[in-house]
C-alpha cells in the first residue's frame, strides 16, 4: 500500500501561493547582481522570474479571479520590457566578443565601444527601476495579495481541488485539445 505524501495533499491554491512566493524570492535574490552590472546573469534572472510568474499565472488561470490575473500579468510584462534593453545589450556584447576572433567584423572594437555605452545607459535604467518605489511596491503588494488570497476564485471548481486532481484535469484538457 502506497503512503500518501504531504505534497499529494497540497491544494491548488496553496501550490500557487508557494510557487509565486518562490519566484518573488528569486526576483529579490537577482536584484543585487542586476544592480552591479559585472555579470549579465542578474538581469537575465530577473527576466526569467518575471516570465515564470506570467507562466504560473497562465497555468493557474482557472483558480484566479480574471482581473487579478490580468493585472499581475501586465505588471510582470511591463517590468520585463523595462529590463529588455539591458539584456539585449548583454547578449549583443557576448555575441560580438565571440565573433570578434572568428569572423572579420569591420571595426569590431568601435562597435563594442558603442554597445558598451548603450549597456551602461541600460544598466543605469535598471538601477533606477530596481530602486524605484513603483518596483518595491509591486513586490510587496504582490506578496501581500498572494498571501491574503484575495485573488482566489471561490466559484471555480479548481479552488476546491488538490494539486494532483488539478494536474489530471489539465492533462485531460490538453489531450482533448490535441485530439
Foldseek 3Di string as FASTA:
>chain_A
DDDDDVQQQAAPLNVLLVVLVVLLVQLVVLLVVLLVPPDLVSLVSNLVSLVVNLVSLVLCVLFFDVVVSVVSNVVSVVLNVLSVQLNVLNVVLVVLVVCVVPPPDPPSVVVNVVSVVSNVVSSVSSVCQVPDPVNVCSSVVVNVCSVVVPGGDPPGPSNVGGPVVSVVVVVVVVVVVVD
